[in-house]
Amino acid sequence: MKEHLLLTDGEGYLGKAILESLSTTKYDISVISSKQIQNLHRKEGVNYINIELSDNKKLIDFLNGEKFDGIVHTGTLIYKKFIKATEYAPVNTESTLNLIYKAMSQDIPLVFFSTLGIFGRLPAELPVCERTLENPHNEYHRSMQISEHLIKNYCMKGLKAIILRPSMLYGNGDFGLSYRMVDYVDKKSLVLPNRRVKIHLTNIELIIQSLRRILEGDIEFGEAFIVADVEPVILTDLVRFISRQIHETDYPDSLIIDDFIYYSRYKYALRKTETLYHGKHYQFYHSWYFDTINAHNKLSLRSIKTIPEFKHTIDFYINNKSAKRK
């Protein structure tokens, strides 16, 4: 008999990748989405339910009428400048609480995808680890922090849950920040500081591996894992790798500028926006990388290195760019 899984949000890159990785021969899958998904984008054998996660009554009514064997919660409202601060809690915190109650009532596992933003724009230490001081800097990150604390508190009361915190995702099919980085390098619009900046990315395959290990039931519940590639990458090395793949030449030295000048422009961009990545051209001044030993050991993750695995994102960008020209 197939197990019944609930996935919140199968439309974002993370949700789509998870949905594609789940076998419909092994699982009956229900997907809660706030959008009416067109038939073209539907996966055969999947039950799609159109519910806003902020609509408590509809969500509770749906949950009460279904029986699941596991819940995978990716459907959170991420930070965007135009979203009001009061909009995050109903989607991110209240919906998580409803899913906690459902998981506890049926004694089933809950996998919650959180954010490393709970540690702040400038973390208290590097590498960031599970014990690093939390310091969320906007309402999105605060709502995710509260959701994490709720899960941890209920784990002490018997909830079977795991928290996964991925870094900046990359992989085939991603139109997010990694894709935009490739676009900036292609157009030679990304300016870099002449300093050693380390960044830490997450290959989407590590998320799939983590989820499979948890659903197989081999992991002790109640933990939070930072899921990222086995080691960080030097920013200039990654940019040069991208440039060589696209243009077969190194990135121009003229776009790697004096550290003081870069920092001045970075601070100006920071005043103009509250996003995690500040401005189109001056995004990377501070290093950000993580201690992934715990996740790699306990989840038995493959030792993926950003270079050369980032080639999947580059190839996807090139193919998509070629398709637009036709």
Protein backbone atom coordinates (compact mmCIF):
# COMPACT_ATOMS: atom_id res chain seq x y z
CA MET A 1 0.00 0.00 0.00
CA LYS A 2 1.33 3.42 -0.98
CA GLU A 3 2.07 6.05 1.65
CA HIS A 4 0.22 9.36 1.48
CA LEU A 5 2.47 12.45 1.59
CA LEU A 6 1.43 16.08 1.90
CA LEU A 7 3.64 18.70 0.23
CA THR A 8 3.00 22.41 0.73
CA ASP A 9 3.80 24.41 -2.42
CA GLY A 10 4.81 22.41 -5.47
CA GLU A 11 5.33 25.51 -7.61
CA GLY A 12 8.61 27.02 -6.35
CA TYR A 13 11.96 25.59 -7.42
CA LEU A 14 12.39 23.68 -4.16
CA GLY A 15 8.84 22.31 -4.18
CA LYS A 16 9.00 21.30 -7.84
CA ALA A 17 12.32 19.51 -7.37
CA ILE A 18 10.97 17.60 -4.38
CA LEU A 19 7.78 16.72 -6.22
CA GLU A 20 9.71 15.44 -9.25
CA SER A 21 11.90 13.30 -7.00
CA LEU A 22 8.98 11.59 -5.24
CA SER A 23 7.83 8.40 -6.94
CA THR A 24 4.08 8.21 -7.55
CA THR A 25 4.46 4.42 -7.55
CA LYS A 26 5.58 4.59 -3.90
CA TYR A 27 3.58 7.59 -2.68
CA ASP A 28 0.13 9.09 -3.06
CA ILE A 29 1.00 12.79 -3.09
CA SER A 30 -1.22 15.73 -2.22
CA VAL A 31 0.10 19.23 -2.96
CA ILE A 32 -1.29 22.38 -1.37
CA SER A 33 -0.76 25.34 -3.66
CA SER A 34 -2.00 28.93 -3.48
CA LYS A 35 -2.13 28.98 -7.30
CA GLN A 36 -4.47 27.30 -9.75
CA ILE A 37 -1.96 24.99 -11.44
CA GLN A 38 -2.53 24.58 -15.17
CA ASN A 39 -2.84 21.05 -16.54
CA LEU A 40 0.41 21.61 -18.45
CA HIS A 41 2.35 21.85 -15.15
CA ARG A 42 0.57 19.08 -13.28
CA LYS A 43 2.39 15.87 -12.45
CA GLU A 44 0.38 12.78 -13.26
CA GLY A 45 -0.91 10.96 -10.21
CA VAL A 46 -0.66 14.00 -7.92
CA ASN A 47 -3.66 15.52 -6.14
CA TYR A 48 -3.51 19.34 -6.23
CA ILE A 49 -5.45 21.37 -3.67
CA ASN A 50 -5.87 25.12 -4.11
CA ILE A 51 -5.66 26.59 -0.58
CA GLU A 52 -3.99 29.73 0.72
CA LEU A 53 -1.84 28.69 3.69
CA SER A 54 -2.90 31.91 5.42
CA ASP A 55 -6.55 30.74 5.27
CA ASN A 56 -6.65 28.91 8.62
CA LYS A 57 -10.22 27.67 8.32
CA LYS A 58 -9.81 26.11 4.86
CA LEU A 59 -6.46 24.61 5.79
CA ILE A 60 -7.76 23.09 9.03
CA ASP A 61 -10.89 21.74 7.31
CA PHE A 62 -8.74 20.09 4.65
CA LEU A 63 -6.27 18.61 7.16
CA ASN A 64 -9.07 17.24 9.34
CA GLY A 65 -10.54 15.37 6.39
CA GLU A 66 -7.34 13.63 5.29
CA LYS A 67 -4.97 10.99 6.62
CA PHE A 68 -1.25 11.29 5.81
CA ASP A 69 1.92 9.31 6.41
CA GLY A 70 4.19 12.36 6.28
CA ILE A 71 4.25 16.12 5.73
CA VAL A 72 6.88 18.08 3.78
CA HIS A 73 6.48 21.80 4.44
CA THR A 74 8.16 24.10 1.90
CA GLY A 75 5.28 26.53 1.41
CA THR A 76 6.49 29.64 3.19
CA LEU A 77 6.17 33.27 2.17
CA ILE A 78 9.70 34.49 1.38
CA TYR A 79 10.97 38.04 1.76
CA LYS A 80 9.96 40.54 -0.92
CA LYS A 81 10.15 44.29 -0.55
CA PHE A 82 6.49 44.92 -1.40
CA ILE A 83 5.11 42.41 1.15
CA LYS A 84 3.83 43.92 4.39
CA ALA A 85 5.46 42.80 7.62
CA THR A 86 2.11 41.58 8.97
CA GLU A 87 1.66 39.12 6.08
CA TYR A 88 4.44 36.71 7.07
CA ALA A 89 3.10 35.31 10.34
CA PRO A 90 -0.24 33.92 8.99
CA VAL A 91 1.53 32.03 6.19
CA ASN A 92 4.79 31.03 7.85
CA THR A 93 3.98 30.64 11.53
CA GLU A 94 0.27 29.88 11.82
CA SER A 95 0.23 27.38 8.94
CA THR A 96 3.27 25.65 10.47
CA LEU A 97 1.43 25.35 13.77
CA ASN A 98 -1.57 23.77 12.03
CA LEU A 99 0.75 21.25 10.34
CA ILE A 100 2.42 20.52 13.70
CA TYR A 101 -0.99 19.70 15.20
CA LYS A 102 -1.80 17.42 12.24
CA ALA A 103 1.54 15.61 12.48
CA MET A 104 1.14 15.07 16.22
CA SER A 105 -2.47 13.88 15.95
CA GLN A 106 -1.44 11.16 13.48
CA ASP A 107 2.06 10.52 14.88
CA ILE A 108 3.67 11.16 11.48
CA PRO A 109 6.93 12.91 10.50
CA LEU A 110 7.06 16.60 9.58
CA VAL A 111 9.94 17.98 7.50
CA PHE A 112 10.17 21.77 7.69
CA PHE A 113 12.30 23.78 5.27
CA SER A 114 13.59 26.86 7.05
CA THR A 115 16.14 29.53 6.16
CA LEU A 116 19.70 30.35 7.17
CA GLY A 117 18.55 33.97 7.39
CA ILE A 118 17.58 33.34 11.00
CA PHE A 119 21.27 33.81 11.80
CA GLY A 120 21.25 37.35 10.42
CA ARG A 121 22.73 39.30 7.58
CA LEU A 122 26.11 39.17 9.31
CA PRO A 123 26.22 36.00 11.45
CA ALA A 124 27.89 36.10 14.85
CA GLU A 125 30.49 33.56 13.69
CA LEU A 126 31.84 31.74 10.65
CA PRO A 127 31.32 29.03 9.81
CA VAL A 128 27.71 29.21 10.94
CA CYS A 129 26.61 26.07 12.79
CA GLU A 130 23.47 24.86 14.57
CA ARG A 131 24.66 26.57 17.79
CA THR A 132 25.32 29.99 16.23
CA LEU A 133 23.42 32.88 17.84
CA GLU A 134 20.18 33.61 15.98
CA ASN A 135 19.77 37.21 14.83
CA PRO A 136 16.97 37.56 12.22
CA HIS A 137 16.91 40.97 10.55
CA ASN A 138 13.48 41.12 8.89
CA GLU A 139 9.93 39.86 9.47
CA TYR A 140 10.33 36.93 7.10
CA HIS A 141 13.31 35.59 9.03
CA ARG A 142 11.61 36.31 12.36
CA SER A 143 8.52 34.36 11.29
CA MET A 144 10.74 31.41 10.31
CA GLN A 145 12.60 31.63 13.62
CA ILE A 146 9.31 31.44 15.51
CA SER A 147 8.24 28.47 13.38
CA GLU A 148 11.51 26.69 14.22
CA HIS A 149 11.04 27.35 17.92
CA LEU A 150 7.48 26.00 17.78
CA ILE A 151 8.71 22.81 16.12
CA LYS A 152 11.53 22.35 18.63
CA ASN A 153 9.16 22.89 21.56
CA TYR A 154 6.65 20.37 20.23
CA CYS A 155 9.43 17.87 19.55
CA MET A 156 9.90 17.77 23.32
CA LYS A 157 6.22 16.79 23.53
CA GLY A 158 6.51 13.97 21.01
CA LEU A 159 6.45 15.64 17.59
CA LYS A 160 8.47 13.78 14.98
CA ALA A 161 10.09 16.59 13.02
CA ILE A 162 13.27 17.56 11.23
CA ILE A 163 14.28 21.11 10.22
CA LEU A 164 16.35 21.54 7.05
CA ARG A 165 18.10 24.85 6.35
CA PRO A 166 19.45 25.02 2.79
CA SER A 167 21.72 27.79 1.54
CA MET A 168 21.40 29.42 -1.89
CA LEU A 169 20.12 26.62 -4.13
CA TYR A 170 21.46 25.75 -7.55
CA GLY A 171 20.75 23.08 -10.13
CA ASN A 172 18.94 22.35 -13.35
CA GLY A 173 15.65 24.24 -13.65
CA ASP A 174 16.49 27.00 -11.16
CA PHE A 175 15.63 30.60 -12.12
CA GLY A 176 16.64 31.99 -8.73
CA LEU A 177 19.74 33.75 -7.40
CA SER A 178 22.19 31.22 -8.85
CA TYR A 179 20.66 31.65 -12.31
CA ARG A 180 20.85 35.42 -11.98
CA MET A 181 24.50 35.16 -10.97
CA VAL A 182 25.22 33.32 -14.22
CA ASP A 183 23.29 36.00 -16.11
CA TYR A 184 25.32 38.79 -14.46
CA VAL A 185 28.59 37.03 -15.31
CA ASP A 186 27.44 36.44 -18.88
CA LYS A 187 26.59 40.15 -19.27
CA LYS A 188 29.72 41.20 -17.33
CA SER A 189 27.63 43.24 -14.93
CA LEU A 190 28.75 41.63 -11.66
CA VAL A 191 31.37 43.69 -9.85
CA LEU A 192 33.60 41.89 -7.35
CA PRO A 193 35.87 43.08 -4.53
CA ASN A 194 39.56 42.21 -4.73
CA ARG A 195 39.36 40.29 -1.48
CA ARG A 196 38.93 36.61 -0.64
CA VAL A 197 35.16 36.15 -0.28
CA LYS A 198 33.86 32.65 0.42
CA ILE A 199 30.26 31.68 -0.34
CA HIS A 200 28.46 28.44 0.36
CA LEU A 201 25.80 27.07 -1.99
CA THR A 202 23.46 24.08 -1.91
CA ASN A 203 23.11 21.66 -4.77
CA ILE A 204 19.44 20.68 -5.09
CA GLU A 205 20.47 17.01 -5.11
CA LEU A 206 21.52 17.35 -1.46
CA ILE A 207 17.97 18.39 -0.57
CA ILE A 208 16.56 15.35 -2.36
CA GLN A 209 19.05 13.06 -0.61
CA SER A 210 18.23 14.58 2.79
CA LEU A 211 14.49 14.17 2.30
CA ARG A 212 14.81 10.56 1.17
CA ARG A 213 16.89 9.68 4.22
CA ILE A 214 14.30 11.27 6.54
CA LEU A 215 11.32 9.62 4.84
CA GLU A 216 13.06 6.26 5.04
CA GLY A 217 12.91 6.69 8.81
CA ASP A 218 16.61 6.28 9.60
CA ILE A 219 17.08 9.69 11.24
CA GLU A 220 16.54 10.66 14.87
CA PHE A 221 13.86 13.34 15.02
CA GLY A 222 14.19 16.71 16.74
CA GLU A 223 17.28 18.01 14.89
CA ALA A 224 17.95 20.99 12.64
CA PHE A 225 20.43 20.48 9.80
CA ILE A 226 22.32 23.01 7.70
CA VAL A 227 22.35 21.46 4.23
CA ALA A 228 24.97 22.77 1.81
CA ASP A 229 27.79 21.57 -0.43
CA VAL A 230 30.67 19.84 1.32
CA GLU A 231 32.72 23.05 1.37
CA PRO A 232 32.40 26.73 0.40
CA VAL A 233 33.82 28.14 -2.80
CA ILE A 234 35.90 31.26 -3.41
CA LEU A 235 33.63 33.75 -5.14
CA THR A 236 36.16 34.82 -7.78
CA ASP A 237 36.91 31.15 -8.57
CA LEU A 238 33.21 30.48 -9.19
CA VAL A 239 32.79 33.61 -11.33
CA ARG A 240 35.82 32.68 -13.42
CA PHE A 241 34.48 29.13 -13.79
CA ILE A 242 31.15 30.51 -15.06
CA SER A 243 32.92 32.88 -17.45
CA ARG A 244 35.07 30.10 -18.90
CA GLN A 245 32.04 27.88 -19.43
CA ILE A 246 30.10 30.60 -21.28
CA HIS A 247 32.79 32.67 -23.00
CA GLU A 248 35.83 30.37 -22.83
CA THR A 249 37.76 33.21 -21.22
CA ASP A 250 38.40 34.58 -17.72
CA TYR A 251 36.21 37.23 -16.15
CA PRO A 252 37.61 40.75 -16.82
CA ASP A 253 40.06 41.98 -14.18
CA SER A 254 38.57 45.44 -14.59
CA LEU A 255 35.41 44.21 -12.83
CA ILE A 256 37.37 43.10 -9.76
CA ILE A 257 37.81 46.43 -8.02
CA ASP A 258 39.55 47.93 -5.01
CA ASP A 259 38.10 46.71 -1.74
CA PHE A 260 37.47 50.20 -0.31
CA ILE A 261 35.65 51.40 -3.44
CA TYR A 262 33.57 48.22 -3.55
CA TYR A 263 32.63 48.56 0.13
CA SER A 264 31.50 52.17 -0.40
CA ARG A 265 29.21 51.10 -3.24
CA TYR A 266 28.00 48.10 -1.25
CA LYS A 267 26.96 50.35 1.64
CA TYR A 268 25.11 52.62 -0.80
CA ALA A 269 23.25 49.62 -2.27
CA LEU A 270 22.43 48.42 1.25
CA ARG A 271 20.69 51.72 2.00
CA LYS A 272 18.59 51.32 -1.15
CA THR A 273 17.21 47.85 -0.43
CA GLU A 274 16.51 45.50 2.48
CA THR A 275 16.93 42.31 0.50
CA LEU A 276 19.48 39.71 1.55
CA TYR A 277 21.53 40.43 -1.58
CA HIS A 278 22.10 44.12 -1.92
CA GLY A 279 21.67 45.52 -5.41
CA LYS A 280 22.32 43.98 -8.80
CA HIS A 281 26.02 44.75 -9.08
CA TYR A 282 27.33 44.86 -5.52
CA GLN A 283 25.97 41.71 -3.93
CA PHE A 284 28.97 40.01 -2.38
CA TYR A 285 31.15 41.77 0.14
CA HIS A 286 30.98 39.50 3.19
CA SER A 287 31.76 35.80 3.27
CA TRP A 288 29.00 33.41 4.30
CA TYR A 289 29.67 29.74 4.83
CA PHE A 290 28.52 26.96 7.12
CA ASP A 291 29.54 23.94 9.15
CA THR A 292 27.88 21.08 7.25
CA ILE A 293 29.67 18.16 8.97
CA ASN A 294 26.66 17.23 11.11
CA ALA A 295 24.28 17.11 8.15
CA HIS A 296 26.68 15.24 5.88
CA ASN A 297 27.45 12.64 8.54
CA LYS A 298 23.97 12.01 9.92
CA LEU A 299 22.15 12.26 6.58
CA SER A 300 24.90 10.39 4.67
CA LEU A 301 25.06 13.09 2.01
CA ARG A 302 27.21 12.92 -1.09
CA SER A 303 30.31 15.14 -1.00
CA ILE A 304 29.26 17.55 -3.71
CA LYS A 305 31.66 20.35 -4.65
CA THR A 306 30.24 23.55 -6.15
CA ILE A 307 32.91 23.51 -8.85
CA PRO A 308 32.32 21.61 -11.16
CA GLU A 309 28.68 20.79 -10.15
CA PHE A 310 27.58 24.38 -10.79
CA LYS A 311 27.88 23.52 -14.49
CA HIS A 312 24.29 22.20 -14.33
CA THR A 313 23.02 25.72 -13.64
CA ILE A 314 25.27 27.19 -16.34
CA ASP A 315 24.06 24.65 -18.93
CA PHE A 316 20.44 25.33 -17.96
CA TYR A 317 21.06 29.07 -18.42
CA ILE A 318 22.69 28.55 -21.84
CA ASN A 319 19.92 26.25 -23.06
CA ASN A 320 17.20 28.61 -21.83
CA LYS A 321 18.93 31.57 -23.46
CA SER A 322 19.18 29.66 -26.76
CA ALA A 323 15.49 28.69 -26.58
CA LYS A 324 14.46 32.34 -26.17
CA ARG A 325 16.34 33.28 -29.33
CA LYS A 326 14.34 30.82 -31.43
